[in-house]
Amino acid sequence: MRTRRFTLKAYTAAFATLLIGAVISIRLGDWSWFSRSGSLVVVNGIILTSHQIIEHMHALTRNHQHGMQVRHDWASEEKHNLINGDNEKRWRIEKYGLYMLIIGTLVWGFGDLVNTL
C-alpha cells in the first residue's frame, strides 16, 4: 500500500511538472522550458524506480532473514560476514549510481543555464 501511494504521488508530480513546463513555455514562447521539465520527469522516474527496487530488496532481505532463523546454515561465520559485507558494498555503489543518474539528468536539462547565473 505504501508503494502504491508513493507511485501515485510520483505520477502526480510528473504530470504537474510537465503542466508547469508547458505553461511557462507558452507564456515565454520558449519551448526549451518544456524540454527542461522533461528532464525533471526523468529524475522523478529514476526516484520512483529506485524506490520500488529498494522496497523489493528489503522484502527479499526480510524473507532471507526469516529463512535463516528457520533452518540452520552450516556455513562459517566468516562466510556470512563476507556475504553481508558484499551486499552492503553493492547497496552503496547502487546508491551512488542513482545520484549520478539524477545529477546527469539535471545537467542535461539545465546545464546551459549555468552561464546565466
PDB file of N, CA and C in Angstrom:
ATOM      1  N   MET A   1       0.819  -1.192   0.000  1.00  0.00           N
ATOM      2  CA  MET A   1       0.000   0.000   0.000  1.00  0.00           C
ATOM      3  C   MET A   1       0.863   1.257   0.000  1.00  0.00           C
ATOM      4  N   ARG A   2       1.951   1.214   0.763  1.00  0.00           N
ATOM      5  CA  ARG A   2       2.844   2.365   0.835  1.00  0.00           C
ATOM      6  C   ARG A   2       3.455   2.656  -0.530  1.00  0.00           C
ATOM      7  N   THR A   3       3.814   1.587  -1.252  1.00  0.00           N
ATOM      8  CA  THR A   3       4.408   1.757  -2.572  1.00  0.00           C
ATOM      9  C   THR A   3       3.392   2.339  -3.545  1.00  0.00           C
ATOM     10  N   ARG A   4       2.148   1.909  -3.448  1.00  0.00           N
ATOM     11  CA  ARG A   4       1.107   2.419  -4.345  1.00  0.00           C
ATOM     12  C   ARG A   4       0.904   3.919  -4.125  1.00  0.00           C
ATOM     13  N   ARG A   5       0.909   4.341  -2.876  1.00  0.00           N
ATOM     14  CA  ARG A   5       0.754   5.766  -2.549  1.00  0.00           C
ATOM     15  C   ARG A   5       1.940   6.569  -3.093  1.00  0.00           C
ATOM     16  N   PHE A   6       3.146   6.022  -2.921  1.00  0.00           N
ATOM     17  CA  PHE A   6       4.345   6.684  -3.423  1.00  0.00           C
ATOM     18  C   PHE A   6       4.288   6.800  -4.949  1.00  0.00           C
ATOM     19  N   THR A   7       3.819   5.734  -5.610  1.00  0.00           N
ATOM     20  CA  THR A   7       3.701   5.740  -7.070  1.00  0.00           C
ATOM     21  C   THR A   7       2.706   6.797  -7.527  1.00  0.00           C
ATOM     22  N   LEU A   8       1.581   6.887  -6.857  1.00  0.00           N
ATOM     23  CA  LEU A   8       0.575   7.892  -7.205  1.00  0.00           C
ATOM     24  C   LEU A   8       1.136   9.301  -7.044  1.00  0.00           C
ATOM     25  N   LYS A   9       1.866   9.531  -5.971  1.00  0.00           N
ATOM     26  CA  LYS A   9       2.496  10.842  -5.764  1.00  0.00           C
ATOM     27  C   LYS A   9       3.509  11.139  -6.863  1.00  0.00           C
ATOM     28  N   ALA A  10       4.272  10.128  -7.266  1.00  0.00           N
ATOM     29  CA  ALA A  10       5.282  10.324  -8.310  1.00  0.00           C
ATOM     30  C   ALA A  10       4.623  10.675  -9.642  1.00  0.00           C
ATOM     31  N   TYR A  11       3.544   9.976  -9.995  1.00  0.00           N
ATOM     32  CA  TYR A  11       2.837  10.283 -11.241  1.00  0.00           C
ATOM     33  C   TYR A  11       2.205  11.673 -11.187  1.00  0.00           C
ATOM     34  N   THR A  12       1.661  12.039 -10.053  1.00  0.00           N
ATOM     35  CA  THR A  12       1.070  13.369  -9.899  1.00  0.00           C
ATOM     36  C   THR A  12       2.140  14.450 -10.041  1.00  0.00           C
ATOM     37  N   ALA A  13       3.289  14.235  -9.417  1.00  0.00           N
ATOM     38  CA  ALA A  13       4.392  15.200  -9.522  1.00  0.00           C
ATOM     39  C   ALA A  13       4.889  15.299 -10.961  1.00  0.00           C
ATOM     40  N   ALA A  14       4.976  14.169 -11.654  1.00  0.00           N
ATOM     41  CA  ALA A  14       5.433  14.184 -13.048  1.00  0.00           C
ATOM     42  C   ALA A  14       4.455  14.958 -13.929  1.00  0.00           C
ATOM     43  N   PHE A  15       3.169  14.698 -13.755  1.00  0.00           N
ATOM     44  CA  PHE A  15       2.162  15.402 -14.543  1.00  0.00           C
ATOM     45  C   PHE A  15       2.191  16.896 -14.248  1.00  0.00           C
ATOM     46  N   ALA A  16       2.279  17.257 -12.978  1.00  0.00           N
ATOM     47  CA  ALA A  16       2.325  18.675 -12.593  1.00  0.00           C
ATOM     48  C   ALA A  16       3.572  19.348 -13.163  1.00  0.00           C
ATOM     49  N   THR A  17       4.695  18.645 -13.148  1.00  0.00           N
ATOM     50  CA  THR A  17       5.942  19.199 -13.690  1.00  0.00           C
ATOM     51  C   THR A  17       5.794  19.492 -15.176  1.00  0.00           C
ATOM     52  N   LEU A  18       5.220  18.542 -15.917  1.00  0.00           N
ATOM     53  CA  LEU A  18       5.017  18.761 -17.356  1.00  0.00           C
ATOM     54  C   LEU A  18       4.029  19.897 -17.612  1.00  0.00           C
ATOM     55  N   LEU A  19       2.987  19.952 -16.821  1.00  0.00           N
ATOM     56  CA  LEU A  19       1.991  21.010 -16.982  1.00  0.00           C
ATOM     57  C   LEU A  19       2.607  22.383 -16.721  1.00  0.00           C
ATOM     58  N   ILE A  20       3.367  22.496 -15.650  1.00  0.00           N
ATOM     59  CA  ILE A  20       4.039  23.766 -15.335  1.00  0.00           C
ATOM     60  C   ILE A  20       5.035  24.124 -16.434  1.00  0.00           C
ATOM     61  N   GLY A  21       5.781  23.135 -16.919  1.00  0.00           N
ATOM     62  CA  GLY A  21       6.725  23.377 -18.012  1.00  0.00           C
ATOM     63  C   GLY A  21       6.032  23.870 -19.268  1.00  0.00           C
ATOM     64  N   ALA A  22       4.868  23.286 -19.572  1.00  0.00           N
ATOM     65  CA  ALA A  22       4.113  23.715 -20.754  1.00  0.00           C
ATOM     66  C   ALA A  22       3.587  25.136 -20.581  1.00  0.00           C
ATOM     67  N   VAL A  23       3.074  25.457 -19.400  1.00  0.00           N
ATOM     68  CA  VAL A  23       2.544  26.806 -19.143  1.00  0.00           C
ATOM     69  C   VAL A  23       3.659  27.843 -19.255  1.00  0.00           C
ATOM     70  N   ILE A  24       4.807  27.568 -18.651  1.00  0.00           N
ATOM     71  CA  ILE A  24       5.938  28.501 -18.737  1.00  0.00           C
ATOM     72  C   ILE A  24       6.369  28.669 -20.191  1.00  0.00           C
ATOM     73  N   SER A  25       6.416  27.571 -20.931  1.00  0.00           N
ATOM     74  CA  SER A  25       6.824  27.634 -22.340  1.00  0.00           C
ATOM     75  C   SER A  25       5.858  28.464 -23.166  1.00  0.00           C
ATOM     76  N   ILE A  26       4.569  28.299 -22.925  1.00  0.00           N
ATOM     77  CA  ILE A  26       3.566  29.071 -23.670  1.00  0.00           C
ATOM     78  C   ILE A  26       3.687  30.557 -23.337  1.00  0.00           C
ATOM     79  N   ARG A  27       3.836  30.874 -22.065  1.00  0.00           N
ATOM     80  CA  ARG A  27       3.921  32.289 -21.653  1.00  0.00           C
ATOM     81  C   ARG A  27       5.182  32.976 -22.163  1.00  0.00           C
ATOM     82  N   LEU A  28       6.311  32.239 -22.150  1.00  0.00           N
ATOM     83  CA  LEU A  28       7.573  32.834 -22.591  1.00  0.00           C
ATOM     84  C   LEU A  28       7.817  32.656 -24.087  1.00  0.00           C
ATOM     85  N   GLY A  29       7.037  31.791 -24.715  1.00  0.00           N
ATOM     86  CA  GLY A  29       7.264  31.499 -26.128  1.00  0.00           C
ATOM     87  C   GLY A  29       8.571  30.758 -26.358  1.00  0.00           C
ATOM     88  N   ASP A  30       9.036  30.051 -25.361  1.00  0.00           N
ATOM     89  CA  ASP A  30      10.311  29.323 -25.420  1.00  0.00           C
ATOM     90  C   ASP A  30      10.068  27.885 -24.957  1.00  0.00           C
ATOM     91  N   TRP A  31      10.018  26.957 -25.915  1.00  0.00           N
ATOM     92  CA  TRP A  31       9.671  25.573 -25.588  1.00  0.00           C
ATOM     93  C   TRP A  31      10.832  24.789 -24.986  1.00  0.00           C
ATOM     94  N   SER A  32      11.975  25.429 -24.803  1.00  0.00           N
ATOM     95  CA  SER A  32      13.061  24.726 -24.113  1.00  0.00           C
ATOM     96  C   SER A  32      12.687  24.465 -22.650  1.00  0.00           C
ATOM     97  N   TRP A  33      11.789  25.274 -22.106  1.00  0.00           N
ATOM     98  CA  TRP A  33      11.352  25.049 -20.722  1.00  0.00           C
ATOM     99  C   TRP A  33      10.527  23.774 -20.608  1.00  0.00           C
ATOM    100  N   PHE A  34       9.757  23.458 -21.626  1.00  0.00           N
ATOM    101  CA  PHE A  34       9.017  22.195 -21.622  1.00  0.00           C
ATOM    102  C   PHE A  34       9.995  21.028 -21.685  1.00  0.00           C
ATOM    103  N   SER A  35      11.053  21.203 -22.484  1.00  0.00           N
ATOM    104  CA  SER A  35      12.102  20.185 -22.559  1.00  0.00           C
ATOM    105  C   SER A  35      12.772  20.000 -21.202  1.00  0.00           C
ATOM    106  N   ARG A  36      13.048  21.087 -20.533  1.00  0.00           N
ATOM    107  CA  ARG A  36      13.657  21.016 -19.199  1.00  0.00           C
ATOM    108  C   ARG A  36      12.739  20.281 -18.218  1.00  0.00           C
ATOM    109  N   SER A  37      11.458  20.531 -18.318  1.00  0.00           N
ATOM    110  CA  SER A  37      10.535  19.826 -17.422  1.00  0.00           C
ATOM    111  C   SER A  37      10.577  18.324 -17.691  1.00  0.00           C
ATOM    112  N   GLY A  38      10.882  17.939 -18.924  1.00  0.00           N
ATOM    113  CA  GLY A  38      11.037  16.518 -19.246  1.00  0.00           C
ATOM    114  C   GLY A  38      12.195  15.890 -18.497  1.00  0.00           C
ATOM    115  N   SER A  39      13.289  16.634 -18.337  1.00  0.00           N
ATOM    116  CA  SER A  39      14.419  16.077 -17.583  1.00  0.00           C
ATOM    117  C   SER A  39      14.049  15.902 -16.112  1.00  0.00           C
ATOM    118  N   LEU A  40      13.198  16.777 -15.593  1.00  0.00           N
ATOM    119  CA  LEU A  40      12.733  16.616 -14.211  1.00  0.00           C
ATOM    120  C   LEU A  40      11.828  15.387 -14.073  1.00  0.00           C
ATOM    121  N   VAL A  41      11.058  15.105 -15.112  1.00  0.00           N
ATOM    122  CA  VAL A  41      10.233  13.897 -15.095  1.00  0.00           C
ATOM    123  C   VAL A  41      11.121  12.654 -15.094  1.00  0.00           C
ATOM    124  N   VAL A  42      12.236  12.702 -15.826  1.00  0.00           N
ATOM    125  CA  VAL A  42      13.177  11.575 -15.816  1.00  0.00           C
ATOM    126  C   VAL A  42      13.732  11.371 -14.405  1.00  0.00           C
ATOM    127  N   VAL A  43      14.111  12.443 -13.737  1.00  0.00           N
ATOM    128  CA  VAL A  43      14.602  12.336 -12.352  1.00  0.00           C
ATOM    129  C   VAL A  43      13.515  11.722 -11.473  1.00  0.00           C
ATOM    130  N   ASN A  44      12.300  12.162 -11.643  1.00  0.00           N
ATOM    131  CA  ASN A  44      11.177  11.614 -10.893  1.00  0.00           C
ATOM    132  C   ASN A  44      11.033  10.113 -11.164  1.00  0.00           C
ATOM    133  N   GLY A  45      11.166   9.716 -12.426  1.00  0.00           N
ATOM    134  CA  GLY A  45      11.083   8.299 -12.779  1.00  0.00           C
ATOM    135  C   GLY A  45      12.209   7.481 -12.174  1.00  0.00           C
ATOM    136  N   ILE A  46      13.396   8.053 -12.133  1.00  0.00           N
ATOM    137  CA  ILE A  46      14.541   7.371 -11.514  1.00  0.00           C
ATOM    138  C   ILE A  46      14.264   7.146 -10.030  1.00  0.00           C
ATOM    139  N   ILE A  47      13.751   8.161  -9.371  1.00  0.00           N
ATOM    140  CA  ILE A  47      13.447   8.033  -7.943  1.00  0.00           C
ATOM    141  C   ILE A  47      12.347   6.997  -7.723  1.00  0.00           C
ATOM    142  N   LEU A  48      11.314   7.021  -8.558  1.00  0.00           N
ATOM    143  CA  LEU A  48      10.228   6.051  -8.437  1.00  0.00           C
ATOM    144  C   LEU A  48      10.744   4.631  -8.623  1.00  0.00           C
ATOM    145  N   THR A  49      11.531   4.422  -9.666  1.00  0.00           N
ATOM    146  CA  THR A  49      12.062   3.091  -9.947  1.00  0.00           C
ATOM    147  C   THR A  49      12.984   2.623  -8.835  1.00  0.00           C
ATOM    148  N   SER A  50      13.857   3.505  -8.378  1.00  0.00           N
ATOM    149  CA  SER A  50      14.782   3.102  -7.317  1.00  0.00           C
ATOM    150  C   SER A  50      14.020   2.802  -6.028  1.00  0.00           C
ATOM    151  N   HIS A  51      12.968   3.551  -5.752  1.00  0.00           N
ATOM    152  CA  HIS A  51      12.158   3.294  -4.558  1.00  0.00           C
ATOM    153  C   HIS A  51      11.536   1.903  -4.629  1.00  0.00           C
ATOM    154  N   GLN A  52      11.010   1.543  -5.802  1.00  0.00           N
ATOM    155  CA  GLN A  52      10.395   0.228  -5.957  1.00  0.00           C
ATOM    156  C   GLN A  52      11.434  -0.881  -5.830  1.00  0.00           C
ATOM    157  N   ILE A  53      12.607  -0.676  -6.395  1.00  0.00           N
ATOM    158  CA  ILE A  53      13.671  -1.674  -6.298  1.00  0.00           C
ATOM    159  C   ILE A  53      14.112  -1.830  -4.843  1.00  0.00           C
ATOM    160  N   ILE A  54      14.270  -0.714  -4.147  1.00  0.00           N
ATOM    161  CA  ILE A  54      14.694  -0.763  -2.745  1.00  0.00           C
ATOM    162  C   ILE A  54      13.642  -1.475  -1.893  1.00  0.00           C
ATOM    163  N   GLU A  55      12.361  -1.182  -2.126  1.00  0.00           N
ATOM    164  CA  GLU A  55      11.294  -1.869  -1.388  1.00  0.00           C
ATOM    165  C   GLU A  55      11.349  -3.373  -1.645  1.00  0.00           C
ATOM    166  N   HIS A  56      11.572  -3.750  -2.900  1.00  0.00           N
ATOM    167  CA  HIS A  56      11.660  -5.169  -3.254  1.00  0.00           C
ATOM    168  C   HIS A  56      12.858  -5.827  -2.571  1.00  0.00           C
ATOM    169  N   MET A  57      13.992  -5.136  -2.572  1.00  0.00           N
ATOM    170  CA  MET A  57      15.193  -5.689  -1.944  1.00  0.00           C
ATOM    171  C   MET A  57      15.006  -5.837  -0.428  1.00  0.00           C
ATOM    172  N   HIS A  58      14.306  -4.896   0.188  1.00  0.00           N
ATOM    173  CA  HIS A  58      14.031  -5.007   1.624  1.00  0.00           C
ATOM    174  C   HIS A  58      13.146  -6.224   1.907  1.00  0.00           C
ATOM    175  N   ALA A  59      12.157  -6.454   1.039  1.00  0.00           N
ATOM    176  CA  ALA A  59      11.290  -7.625   1.214  1.00  0.00           C
ATOM    177  C   ALA A  59      12.097  -8.910   1.071  1.00  0.00           C
ATOM    178  N   LEU A  60      12.996  -8.953   0.084  1.00  0.00           N
ATOM    179  CA  LEU A  60      13.846 -10.134  -0.088  1.00  0.00           C
ATOM    180  C   LEU A  60      14.739 -10.350   1.127  1.00  0.00           C
ATOM    181  N   THR A  61      15.282  -9.263   1.660  1.00  0.00           N
ATOM    182  CA  THR A  61      16.142  -9.367   2.840  1.00  0.00           C
ATOM    183  C   THR A  61      15.358  -9.897   4.037  1.00  0.00           C
ATOM    184  N   ARG A  62      14.145  -9.380   4.227  1.00  0.00           N
ATOM    185  CA  ARG A  62      13.311  -9.865   5.336  1.00  0.00           C
ATOM    186  C   ARG A  62      13.006 -11.350   5.174  1.00  0.00           C
ATOM    187  N   ASN A  63      12.675 -11.770   3.953  1.00  0.00           N
ATOM    188  CA  ASN A  63      12.389 -13.183   3.706  1.00  0.00           C
ATOM    189  C   ASN A  63      13.627 -14.035   3.932  1.00  0.00           C
ATOM    190  N   HIS A  64      14.783 -13.529   3.510  1.00  0.00           N
ATOM    191  CA  HIS A  64      16.034 -14.270   3.687  1.00  0.00           C
ATOM    192  C   HIS A  64      16.359 -14.414   5.173  1.00  0.00           C
ATOM    193  N   GLN A  65      16.188 -13.349   5.933  1.00  0.00           N
ATOM    194  CA  GLN A  65      16.470 -13.408   7.369  1.00  0.00           C
ATOM    195  C   GLN A  65      15.517 -14.363   8.070  1.00  0.00           C
ATOM    196  N   HIS A  66      14.268 -14.373   7.633  1.00  0.00           N
ATOM    197  CA  HIS A  66      13.302 -15.301   8.215  1.00  0.00           C
ATOM    198  C   HIS A  66      13.723 -16.739   7.912  1.00  0.00           C
ATOM    199  N   GLY A  67      14.170 -16.979   6.695  1.00  0.00           N
ATOM    200  CA  GLY A  67      14.639 -18.313   6.318  1.00  0.00           C
ATOM    201  C   GLY A  67      15.862 -18.726   7.113  1.00  0.00           C
ATOM    202  N   MET A  68      16.738 -17.772   7.423  1.00  0.00           N
ATOM    203  CA  MET A  68      17.942 -18.069   8.204  1.00  0.00           C
ATOM    204  C   MET A  68      17.566 -18.483   9.622  1.00  0.00           C
ATOM    205  N   GLN A  69      16.494 -17.916  10.156  1.00  0.00           N
ATOM    206  CA  GLN A  69      16.081 -18.266  11.509  1.00  0.00           C
ATOM    207  C   GLN A  69      15.432 -19.645  11.554  1.00  0.00           C
ATOM    208  N   VAL A  70      14.805 -20.044  10.463  1.00  0.00           N
ATOM    209  CA  VAL A  70      14.085 -21.306  10.432  1.00  0.00           C
ATOM    210  C   VAL A  70      15.022 -22.491  10.282  1.00  0.00           C
ATOM    211  N   ARG A  71      15.966 -22.412   9.374  1.00  0.00           N
ATOM    212  CA  ARG A  71      16.855 -23.556   9.150  1.00  0.00           C
ATOM    213  C   ARG A  71      18.277 -23.204   9.566  1.00  0.00           C
ATOM    214  N   HIS A  72      19.012 -24.188   9.954  1.00  0.00           N
ATOM    215  CA  HIS A  72      20.392 -23.984  10.404  1.00  0.00           C
ATOM    216  C   HIS A  72      21.320 -24.026   9.201  1.00  0.00           C
ATOM    217  N   ASP A  73      22.144 -23.039   9.076  1.00  0.00           N
ATOM    218  CA  ASP A  73      23.113 -22.996   7.987  1.00  0.00           C
ATOM    219  C   ASP A  73      24.466 -23.383   8.552  1.00  0.00           C
ATOM    220  N   TRP A  74      25.120 -24.313   7.911  1.00  0.00           N
ATOM    221  CA  TRP A  74      26.383 -24.827   8.420  1.00  0.00           C
ATOM    222  C   TRP A  74      27.579 -24.002   7.960  1.00  0.00           C
ATOM    223  N   ALA A  75      27.342 -22.951   7.199  1.00  0.00           N
ATOM    224  CA  ALA A  75      28.452 -22.115   6.740  1.00  0.00           C
ATOM    225  C   ALA A  75      29.054 -21.376   7.932  1.00  0.00           C
ATOM    226  N   SER A  76      30.310 -21.123   7.811  1.00  0.00           N
ATOM    227  CA  SER A  76      31.003 -20.458   8.918  1.00  0.00           C
ATOM    228  C   SER A  76      30.579 -18.997   9.036  1.00  0.00           C
ATOM    229  N   GLU A  77      30.838 -18.434  10.188  1.00  0.00           N
ATOM    230  CA  GLU A  77      30.525 -17.030  10.463  1.00  0.00           C
ATOM    231  C   GLU A  77      31.232 -16.109   9.473  1.00  0.00           C
ATOM    232  N   GLU A  78      32.449 -16.466   9.080  1.00  0.00           N
ATOM    233  CA  GLU A  78      33.217 -15.638   8.147  1.00  0.00           C
ATOM    234  C   GLU A  78      32.511 -15.531   6.805  1.00  0.00           C
ATOM    235  N   LYS A  79      31.944 -16.640   6.326  1.00  0.00           N
ATOM    236  CA  LYS A  79      31.239 -16.613   5.039  1.00  0.00           C
ATOM    237  C   LYS A  79      30.011 -15.718   5.119  1.00  0.00           C
ATOM    238  N   HIS A  80      29.285 -15.789   6.206  1.00  0.00           N
ATOM    239  CA  HIS A  80      28.117 -14.919   6.369  1.00  0.00           C
ATOM    240  C   HIS A  80      28.534 -13.449   6.392  1.00  0.00           C
ATOM    241  N   ASN A  81      29.604 -13.137   7.092  1.00  0.00           N
ATOM    242  CA  ASN A  81      30.093 -11.754   7.143  1.00  0.00           C
ATOM    243  C   ASN A  81      30.542 -11.280   5.769  1.00  0.00           C
ATOM    244  N   LEU A  82      31.180 -12.161   5.001  1.00  0.00           N
ATOM    245  CA  LEU A  82      31.629 -11.815   3.654  1.00  0.00           C
ATOM    246  C   LEU A  82      30.439 -11.505   2.757  1.00  0.00           C
ATOM    247  N   ILE A  83      29.409 -12.338   2.825  1.00  0.00           N
ATOM    248  CA  ILE A  83      28.212 -12.130   2.006  1.00  0.00           C
ATOM    249  C   ILE A  83      27.514 -10.836   2.402  1.00  0.00           C
ATOM    250  N   ASN A  84      27.326 -10.611   3.697  1.00  0.00           N
ATOM    251  CA  ASN A  84      26.660  -9.389   4.158  1.00  0.00           C
ATOM    252  C   ASN A  84      27.468  -8.146   3.812  1.00  0.00           C
ATOM    253  N   GLY A  85      28.789  -8.213   3.932  1.00  0.00           N
ATOM    254  CA  GLY A  85      29.645  -7.087   3.572  1.00  0.00           C
ATOM    255  C   GLY A  85      29.564  -6.774   2.094  1.00  0.00           C
ATOM    256  N   ASP A  86      29.477  -7.829   1.263  1.00  0.00           N
ATOM    257  CA  ASP A  86      29.354  -7.641  -0.183  1.00  0.00           C
ATOM    258  C   ASP A  86      28.031  -6.963  -0.518  1.00  0.00           C
ATOM    259  N   ASN A  87      26.953  -7.370   0.132  1.00  0.00           N
ATOM    260  CA  ASN A  87      25.654  -6.734  -0.097  1.00  0.00           C
ATOM    261  C   ASN A  87      25.678  -5.263   0.298  1.00  0.00           C
ATOM    262  N   GLU A  88      26.330  -4.967   1.409  1.00  0.00           N
ATOM    263  CA  GLU A  88      26.424  -3.581   1.866  1.00  0.00           C
ATOM    264  C   GLU A  88      27.189  -2.729   0.862  1.00  0.00           C
ATOM    265  N   LYS A  89      28.284  -3.274   0.325  1.00  0.00           N
ATOM    266  CA  LYS A  89      29.076  -2.562  -0.675  1.00  0.00           C
ATOM    267  C   LYS A  89      28.247  -2.324  -1.944  1.00  0.00           C
ATOM    268  N   ARG A  90      27.495  -3.331  -2.348  1.00  0.00           N
ATOM    269  CA  ARG A  90      26.666  -3.227  -3.548  1.00  0.00           C
ATOM    270  C   ARG A  90      25.612  -2.139  -3.376  1.00  0.00           C
ATOM    271  N   TRP A  91      24.983  -2.071  -2.192  1.00  0.00           N
ATOM    272  CA  TRP A  91      23.992  -1.036  -1.926  1.00  0.00           C
ATOM    273  C   TRP A  91      24.605   0.350  -2.033  1.00  0.00           C
ATOM    274  N   ARG A  92      25.813   0.520  -1.492  1.00  0.00           N
ATOM    275  CA  ARG A  92      26.482   1.815  -1.547  1.00  0.00           C
ATOM    276  C   ARG A  92      26.741   2.219  -2.995  1.00  0.00           C
ATOM    277  N   ILE A  93      27.228   1.285  -3.811  1.00  0.00           N
ATOM    278  CA  ILE A  93      27.514   1.571  -5.215  1.00  0.00           C
ATOM    279  C   ILE A  93      26.233   1.923  -5.958  1.00  0.00           C
ATOM    280  N   GLU A  94      25.156   1.167  -5.712  1.00  0.00           N
ATOM    281  CA  GLU A  94      23.889   1.452  -6.384  1.00  0.00           C
ATOM    282  C   GLU A  94      23.346   2.821  -5.981  1.00  0.00           C
ATOM    283  N   LYS A  95      23.520   3.184  -4.722  1.00  0.00           N
ATOM    284  CA  LYS A  95      23.051   4.492  -4.256  1.00  0.00           C
ATOM    285  C   LYS A  95      23.806   5.604  -4.982  1.00  0.00           C
ATOM    286  N   TYR A  96      25.126   5.458  -5.111  1.00  0.00           N
ATOM    287  CA  TYR A  96      25.904   6.471  -5.814  1.00  0.00           C
ATOM    288  C   TYR A  96      25.559   6.493  -7.298  1.00  0.00           C
ATOM    289  N   GLY A  97      25.235   5.350  -7.866  1.00  0.00           N
ATOM    290  CA  GLY A  97      24.791   5.303  -9.256  1.00  0.00           C
ATOM    291  C   GLY A  97      23.500   6.070  -9.450  1.00  0.00           C
ATOM    292  N   LEU A  98      22.593   5.950  -8.494  1.00  0.00           N
ATOM    293  CA  LEU A  98      21.341   6.697  -8.544  1.00  0.00           C
ATOM    294  C   LEU A  98      21.614   8.196  -8.508  1.00  0.00           C
ATOM    295  N   TYR A  99      22.495   8.627  -7.605  1.00  0.00           N
ATOM    296  CA  TYR A  99      22.846  10.047  -7.536  1.00  0.00           C
ATOM    297  C   TYR A  99      23.447  10.529  -8.855  1.00  0.00           C
ATOM    298  N   MET A 100      24.278   9.696  -9.467  1.00  0.00           N
ATOM    299  CA  MET A 100      24.908  10.067 -10.727  1.00  0.00           C
ATOM    300  C   MET A 100      23.854  10.247 -11.824  1.00  0.00           C
ATOM    301  N   LEU A 101      22.861   9.359 -11.874  1.00  0.00           N
ATOM    302  CA  LEU A 101      21.790   9.485 -12.863  1.00  0.00           C
ATOM    303  C   LEU A 101      20.999  10.772 -12.666  1.00  0.00           C
ATOM    304  N   ILE A 102      20.698  11.096 -11.438  1.00  0.00           N
ATOM    305  CA  ILE A 102      19.928  12.307 -11.162  1.00  0.00           C
ATOM    306  C   ILE A 102      20.726  13.553 -11.531  1.00  0.00           C
ATOM    307  N   ILE A 103      21.969  13.623 -11.105  1.00  0.00           N
ATOM    308  CA  ILE A 103      22.801  14.797 -11.407  1.00  0.00           C
ATOM    309  C   ILE A 103      23.010  14.931 -12.910  1.00  0.00           C
ATOM    310  N   GLY A 104      23.292  13.827 -13.575  1.00  0.00           N
ATOM    311  CA  GLY A 104      23.488  13.863 -15.026  1.00  0.00           C
ATOM    312  C   GLY A 104      22.251  14.332 -15.763  1.00  0.00           C
ATOM    313  N   THR A 105      21.086  13.888 -15.327  1.00  0.00           N
ATOM    314  CA  THR A 105      19.841  14.304 -15.968  1.00  0.00           C
ATOM    315  C   THR A 105      19.576  15.786 -15.740  1.00  0.00           C
ATOM    316  N   LEU A 106      19.863  16.271 -14.540  1.00  0.00           N
ATOM    317  CA  LEU A 106      19.676  17.700 -14.271  1.00  0.00           C
ATOM    318  C   LEU A 106      20.643  18.555 -15.086  1.00  0.00           C
ATOM    319  N   VAL A 107      21.881  18.107 -15.229  1.00  0.00           N
ATOM    320  CA  VAL A 107      22.844  18.841 -16.057  1.00  0.00           C
ATOM    321  C   VAL A 107      22.385  18.830 -17.509  1.00  0.00           C
ATOM    322  N   TRP A 108      21.892  17.678 -17.964  1.00  0.00           N
ATOM    323  CA  TRP A 108      21.390  17.552 -19.329  1.00  0.00           C
ATOM    324  C   TRP A 108      20.250  18.544 -19.572  1.00  0.00           C
ATOM    325  N   GLY A 109      19.358  18.687 -18.607  1.00  0.00           N
ATOM    326  CA  GLY A 109      18.207  19.555 -18.789  1.00  0.00           C
ATOM    327  C   GLY A 109      18.474  21.024 -18.533  1.00  0.00           C
ATOM    328  N   PHE A 110      19.405  21.328 -17.643  1.00  0.00           N
ATOM    329  CA  PHE A 110      19.588  22.715 -17.211  1.00  0.00           C
ATOM    330  C   PHE A 110      21.025  23.217 -17.319  1.00  0.00           C
ATOM    331  N   GLY A 111      21.920  22.431 -17.869  1.00  0.00           N
ATOM    332  CA  GLY A 111      23.338  22.793 -17.929  1.00  0.00           C
ATOM    333  C   GLY A 111      23.617  24.082 -18.680  1.00  0.00           C
ATOM    334  N   ASP A 112      22.802  24.371 -19.685  1.00  0.00           N
ATOM    335  CA  ASP A 112      23.036  25.584 -20.465  1.00  0.00           C
ATOM    336  C   ASP A 112      22.674  26.856 -19.697  1.00  0.00           C
ATOM    337  N   LEU A 113      22.026  26.725 -18.558  1.00  0.00           N
ATOM    338  CA  LEU A 113      21.659  27.900 -17.769  1.00  0.00           C
ATOM    339  C   LEU A 113      22.741  28.311 -16.780  1.00  0.00           C
ATOM    340  N   VAL A 114      23.781  27.495 -16.632  1.00  0.00           N
ATOM    341  CA  VAL A 114      24.832  27.782 -15.650  1.00  0.00           C
ATOM    342  C   VAL A 114      25.506  29.117 -15.948  1.00  0.00           C
ATOM    343  N   ASN A 115      25.727  29.423 -17.217  1.00  0.00           N
ATOM    344  CA  ASN A 115      26.416  30.672 -17.554  1.00  0.00           C
ATOM    345  C   ASN A 115      25.545  31.909 -17.360  1.00  0.00           C
ATOM    346  N   THR A 116      24.266  31.727 -17.040  1.00  0.00           N
ATOM    347  CA  THR A 116      23.395  32.887 -16.810  1.00  0.00           C
ATOM    348  C   THR A 116      23.286  33.253 -15.333  1.00  0.00           C
ATOM    349  N   LEU A 117      23.932  32.476 -14.475  1.00  0.00           N
ATOM    350  CA  LEU A 117      23.846  32.747 -13.030  1.00  0.00           C
ATOM    351  C   LEU A 117      24.704  33.917 -12.628  1.00  0.00           C
TER     352      LEU A 117
END
